[in-house]
Amino acid sequence: MPPTYLLARDHLERAAALLRGDDGRARQVLYIIERTINLMDDMLPEPRARKSNVLDFEAFKESRAQMK
C-alpha cells in the first residue's frame, strides 16, 4: 500500500479515538480530518497524456526555439 494511504488511515483512526473523548478536542478532530482529506486528494491519479502519432508542428517549433 502507498505510504500516503497508510498515513491517511492512521489519521482516521486518530480521529475516531478523539471522538470517543470529550468535546474539547473538536479542533484536533477537525485538523486531522482536514489533513486526511488533503492526503486522499494526493492519491488521485494524474490524468495521462494521450499518446498520439500526430505531431503538432507549431508546438514542435516553439519547443525548438526555446532550446536555443
C-alpha atoms as a PDB file:
ATOM      1  CA  MET A   1       0.000   0.000   0.000  1.00  0.00           C
ATOM      2  CA  PRO A   2       1.230   3.522  -0.715  1.00  0.00           C
ATOM      3  CA  PRO A   3       2.543   5.403   2.331  1.00  0.00           C
ATOM      4  CA  THR A   4       0.003   8.180   1.739  1.00  0.00           C
ATOM      5  CA  TYR A   5      -2.851   5.707   2.115  1.00  0.00           C
ATOM      6  CA  LEU A   6      -1.389   4.304   5.326  1.00  0.00           C
ATOM      7  CA  LEU A   7      -0.917   7.794   6.754  1.00  0.00           C
ATOM      8  CA  ALA A   8      -4.496   8.713   5.832  1.00  0.00           C
ATOM      9  CA  ARG A   9      -5.792   5.596   7.547  1.00  0.00           C
ATOM     10  CA  ASP A  10      -3.763   6.436  10.651  1.00  0.00           C
ATOM     11  CA  HIS A  11      -5.299   9.925  10.718  1.00  0.00           C
ATOM     12  CA  LEU A  12      -8.788   8.449  10.514  1.00  0.00           C
ATOM     13  CA  GLU A  13      -8.039   6.087  13.382  1.00  0.00           C
ATOM     14  CA  ARG A  14      -6.807   9.006  15.495  1.00  0.00           C
ATOM     15  CA  ALA A  15      -9.958  10.987  14.680  1.00  0.00           C
ATOM     16  CA  ALA A  16     -12.148   8.085  15.744  1.00  0.00           C
ATOM     17  CA  ALA A  17     -10.279   7.802  19.042  1.00  0.00           C
ATOM     18  CA  LEU A  18     -10.736  11.518  19.713  1.00  0.00           C
ATOM     19  CA  LEU A  19     -14.453  11.321  19.010  1.00  0.00           C
ATOM     20  CA  ARG A  20     -14.776   8.911  21.916  1.00  0.00           C
ATOM     21  CA  GLY A  21     -13.362  11.627  24.195  1.00  0.00           C
ATOM     22  CA  ASP A  22     -14.837  14.908  25.414  1.00  0.00           C
ATOM     23  CA  ASP A  23     -15.925  17.796  23.179  1.00  0.00           C
ATOM     24  CA  GLY A  24     -12.824  19.857  23.981  1.00  0.00           C
ATOM     25  CA  ARG A  25     -10.905  18.007  21.289  1.00  0.00           C
ATOM     26  CA  ALA A  26     -13.121  19.121  18.411  1.00  0.00           C
ATOM     27  CA  ARG A  27     -10.393  21.311  16.895  1.00  0.00           C
ATOM     28  CA  GLN A  28      -7.958  18.411  16.909  1.00  0.00           C
ATOM     29  CA  VAL A  29     -10.500  16.224  15.151  1.00  0.00           C
ATOM     30  CA  LEU A  30     -11.154  18.946  12.601  1.00  0.00           C
ATOM     31  CA  TYR A  31      -7.417  19.266  11.860  1.00  0.00           C
ATOM     32  CA  ILE A  32      -7.000  15.501  11.489  1.00  0.00           C
ATOM     33  CA  ILE A  33      -9.988  15.213   9.170  1.00  0.00           C
ATOM     34  CA  GLU A  34      -8.840  18.131   7.009  1.00  0.00           C
ATOM     35  CA  ARG A  35      -5.361  16.635   6.774  1.00  0.00           C
ATOM     36  CA  THR A  36      -6.852  13.276   5.813  1.00  0.00           C
ATOM     37  CA  ILE A  37      -8.878  14.850   3.029  1.00  0.00           C
ATOM     38  CA  ASN A  38      -5.739  16.510   1.671  1.00  0.00           C
ATOM     39  CA  LEU A  39      -3.891  13.191   1.764  1.00  0.00           C
ATOM     40  CA  MET A  40      -6.721  11.483  -0.091  1.00  0.00           C
ATOM     41  CA  ASP A  41      -6.586  14.179  -2.757  1.00  0.00           C
ATOM     42  CA  ASP A  42      -2.865  13.472  -3.182  1.00  0.00           C
ATOM     43  CA  MET A  43      -3.715   9.884  -4.051  1.00  0.00           C
ATOM     44  CA  LEU A  44      -5.857  10.777  -7.067  1.00  0.00           C
ATOM     45  CA  PRO A  45      -4.240   9.547 -10.264  1.00  0.00           C
ATOM     46  CA  GLU A  46      -2.894  12.233 -12.542  1.00  0.00           C
ATOM     47  CA  PRO A  47      -4.519  12.389 -15.943  1.00  0.00           C
ATOM     48  CA  ARG A  48      -2.402  10.641 -18.513  1.00  0.00           C
ATOM     49  CA  ALA A  49      -1.429  12.393 -21.665  1.00  0.00           C
ATOM     50  CA  ARG A  50      -2.987  10.845 -24.690  1.00  0.00           C
ATOM     51  CA  LYS A  51      -0.449   9.161 -26.879  1.00  0.00           C
ATOM     52  CA  SER A  52      -0.771  10.027 -30.485  1.00  0.00           C
ATOM     53  CA  ASN A  53       1.316   9.652 -33.563  1.00  0.00           C
ATOM     54  CA  VAL A  54       0.272  13.121 -34.755  1.00  0.00           C
ATOM     55  CA  LEU A  55       2.905  15.853 -34.440  1.00  0.00           C
ATOM     56  CA  ASP A  56       1.873  19.430 -33.725  1.00  0.00           C
ATOM     57  CA  PHE A  57       4.378  21.362 -35.811  1.00  0.00           C
ATOM     58  CA  GLU A  58       3.717  24.687 -34.090  1.00  0.00           C
ATOM     59  CA  ALA A  59       4.372  23.179 -30.654  1.00  0.00           C
ATOM     60  CA  PHE A  60       7.491  21.493 -32.047  1.00  0.00           C
ATOM     61  CA  LYS A  61       8.809  24.765 -33.472  1.00  0.00           C
ATOM     62  CA  GLU A  62       8.144  26.558 -30.157  1.00  0.00           C
ATOM     63  CA  SER A  63       9.947  23.908 -28.148  1.00  0.00           C
ATOM     64  CA  ARG A  64      12.941  24.026 -30.534  1.00  0.00           C
ATOM     65  CA  ALA A  65      13.044  27.822 -30.318  1.00  0.00           C
ATOM     66  CA  GLN A  66      13.115  27.687 -26.504  1.00  0.00           C
ATOM     67  CA  MET A  67      16.055  25.276 -26.591  1.00  0.00           C
ATOM     68  CA  LYS A  68      18.271  27.758 -28.492  1.00  0.00           C
END
